[in-house]
Amino acid sequence: VNILQALRERNAGRISALNTCNIALSQAMCDGDPCRVWAEIALFMRLIAQETGNSFLVKTVEQMFSAEPSFVQHYFQADRDILEDIFAGHVNILQALRERNAGRISALTGQYLLSICRALEAGNEFSVWDSVAHKTQEGDAYGQ
């Protein structure tokens, strides 16, 4: 097996895992299960963050999604438009991954994380960024 073929197979496996997350997210949305929705969003973002090897992104995602699923339950039940936007964000990120467009992947992932934070903050009186900032100050946020 040549190196190029091995890289294609590796990339296809990762995209397949993300696609499986997207299918599970869709099912959780259809079932009206907000805790599963939160878990599927978290898994999707953890897979992407781990793949980047960027320790700041990994720490940020872990901190963002450490919230108890019951905390966001009312949030996902209240607004169907939010869920549709989340699903569209996943689809856009997957498409950029298939295209191997690093700039677009980075931009879409950043926009996606910001939109999740803004939406969570809008319905609650706390800042996602406060806990992320605190966690990253405990060590070198950019270190490996």
Protein backbone atom coordinates (compact mmCIF):
# COMPACT_ATOMS: atom_id res chain seq x y z
CA VAL A 1 0.00 0.00 0.00
CA ASN A 2 1.47 3.33 -0.94
CA ILE A 3 1.57 6.26 1.49
CA LEU A 4 -1.01 8.34 -0.38
CA GLN A 5 -3.53 5.48 -0.31
CA ALA A 6 -2.93 4.95 3.42
CA LEU A 7 -3.52 8.65 4.10
CA ARG A 8 -6.76 8.60 2.10
CA GLU A 9 -8.00 5.57 4.05
CA ARG A 10 -7.09 7.20 7.37
CA ASN A 11 -8.90 10.42 6.41
CA ALA A 12 -11.94 8.47 5.20
CA GLY A 13 -12.13 6.64 8.54
CA ARG A 14 -12.11 9.90 10.48
CA ILE A 15 -14.75 11.45 8.27
CA SER A 16 -16.81 8.30 8.65
CA ALA A 17 -16.63 8.59 12.46
CA LEU A 18 -17.76 12.22 12.28
CA ASN A 19 -20.54 11.29 9.87
CA THR A 20 -21.70 8.63 12.35
CA CYS A 21 -21.83 11.36 15.04
CA ASN A 22 -23.89 13.51 12.71
CA ILE A 23 -26.37 10.70 12.10
CA ALA A 24 -26.65 10.11 15.85
CA LEU A 25 -27.21 13.85 16.39
CA SER A 26 -29.98 13.84 13.82
CA GLN A 27 -31.64 10.87 15.52
CA ALA A 28 -31.38 12.49 18.96
CA MET A 29 -32.96 15.65 17.54
CA CYS A 30 -35.80 13.66 15.97
CA ASP A 31 -36.34 11.79 19.24
CA GLY A 32 -36.46 15.07 21.14
CA ASP A 33 -33.74 13.92 23.54
CA PRO A 34 -31.78 17.02 24.61
CA CYS A 35 -29.26 15.08 26.72
CA ARG A 36 -28.32 12.92 23.74
CA VAL A 37 -28.17 16.03 21.53
CA TRP A 38 -25.65 17.57 23.92
CA ALA A 39 -23.65 14.32 24.10
CA GLU A 40 -23.49 14.00 20.30
CA ILE A 41 -22.43 17.62 19.84
CA ALA A 42 -19.71 17.08 22.47
CA LEU A 43 -18.46 13.88 20.83
CA PHE A 44 -18.33 15.52 17.39
CA MET A 45 -16.30 18.46 18.71
CA ARG A 46 -14.01 16.26 20.81
CA LEU A 47 -13.14 14.17 17.77
CA ILE A 48 -12.31 17.28 15.77
CA ALA A 49 -10.32 18.86 18.60
CA GLN A 50 -8.28 15.71 19.25
CA GLU A 51 -7.51 15.35 15.58
CA THR A 52 -6.03 18.86 15.39
CA GLY A 53 -3.47 18.15 18.08
CA ASN A 54 -4.03 21.74 19.27
CA SER A 55 -3.98 21.53 23.06
CA PHE A 56 -5.76 24.89 23.45
CA LEU A 57 -8.66 23.69 21.29
CA VAL A 58 -8.77 20.35 23.13
CA LYS A 59 -8.88 22.12 26.53
CA THR A 60 -11.48 24.61 25.31
CA VAL A 61 -13.77 21.90 23.94
CA GLU A 62 -13.39 19.78 27.08
CA GLN A 63 -14.24 22.74 29.29
CA MET A 64 -17.19 23.83 27.14
CA PHE A 65 -18.73 20.39 27.07
CA SER A 66 -18.11 19.54 30.71
CA ALA A 67 -21.48 21.10 31.55
CA GLU A 68 -24.00 18.65 32.92
CA PRO A 69 -26.39 17.62 30.11
CA SER A 70 -29.39 18.42 32.30
CA PHE A 71 -28.12 22.01 32.44
CA VAL A 72 -28.78 22.45 28.72
CA GLN A 73 -31.94 20.36 28.57
CA HIS A 74 -34.36 23.30 28.56
CA TYR A 75 -32.21 25.08 26.01
CA PHE A 76 -32.48 22.36 23.36
CA GLN A 77 -36.17 21.78 23.98
CA ALA A 78 -37.05 25.43 23.61
CA ASP A 79 -35.76 26.40 20.19
CA ARG A 80 -35.91 24.15 17.13
CA ASP A 81 -34.05 26.77 15.04
CA ILE A 82 -31.02 26.40 17.30
CA LEU A 83 -30.96 22.66 16.70
CA GLU A 84 -31.24 23.11 12.97
CA ASP A 85 -28.35 25.60 13.02
CA ILE A 86 -26.24 23.15 15.03
CA PHE A 87 -26.94 20.35 12.57
CA ALA A 88 -26.15 22.63 9.61
CA GLY A 89 -22.85 23.54 11.29
CA HIS A 90 -21.92 19.87 11.52
CA VAL A 91 -22.77 19.30 7.87
CA ASN A 92 -20.68 22.31 6.80
CA ILE A 93 -17.67 21.15 8.82
CA LEU A 94 -17.95 17.65 7.35
CA GLN A 95 -18.08 19.05 3.83
CA ALA A 96 -14.98 21.17 4.44
CA LEU A 97 -13.20 18.07 5.79
CA ARG A 98 -14.13 16.11 2.67
CA GLU A 99 -12.76 18.97 0.56
CA ARG A 100 -9.60 19.05 2.72
CA ASN A 101 -9.95 22.80 2.97
CA ALA A 102 -7.98 23.60 6.15
CA GLY A 103 -8.83 27.31 6.17
CA ARG A 104 -12.54 26.65 5.82
CA ILE A 105 -12.45 23.88 8.44
CA SER A 106 -10.76 26.22 10.91
CA ALA A 107 -13.15 29.10 10.23
CA LEU A 108 -16.28 26.91 10.41
CA THR A 109 -15.16 25.19 13.60
CA GLY A 110 -14.42 28.52 15.27
CA GLN A 111 -17.76 29.98 14.19
CA TYR A 112 -19.54 26.85 15.37
CA LEU A 113 -17.97 26.94 18.84
CA LEU A 114 -18.72 30.65 19.20
CA SER A 115 -22.35 30.14 18.19
CA ILE A 116 -22.76 27.36 20.77
CA CYS A 117 -21.27 29.61 23.46
CA ARG A 118 -23.41 32.59 22.53
CA ALA A 119 -26.58 30.51 22.45
CA LEU A 120 -25.86 28.93 25.83
CA GLU A 121 -24.99 32.27 27.37
CA ALA A 122 -28.12 33.93 25.97
CA GLY A 123 -30.39 31.59 27.90
CA ASN A 124 -28.38 31.56 31.11
CA GLU A 125 -26.62 33.98 33.37
CA PHE A 126 -23.08 32.71 33.09
CA SER A 127 -20.16 32.93 30.73
CA VAL A 128 -18.73 29.85 29.06
CA TRP A 129 -15.57 31.86 28.48
CA ASP A 130 -14.96 32.49 32.19
CA SER A 131 -14.44 28.80 32.88
CA VAL A 132 -12.40 28.32 29.69
CA ALA A 133 -10.14 31.27 30.52
CA HIS A 134 -9.64 29.99 34.07
CA LYS A 135 -8.77 26.51 32.87
CA THR A 136 -6.26 27.70 30.27
CA GLN A 137 -4.52 29.94 32.82
CA GLU A 138 -3.69 26.85 34.89
CA GLY A 139 -1.04 25.90 32.34
CA ASP A 140 0.33 26.78 28.95
CA ALA A 141 -2.78 27.03 26.79
CA TYR A 142 -0.80 26.50 23.61
CA GLY A 143 1.57 23.83 24.90
CA GLN A 144 1.43 20.28 23.69
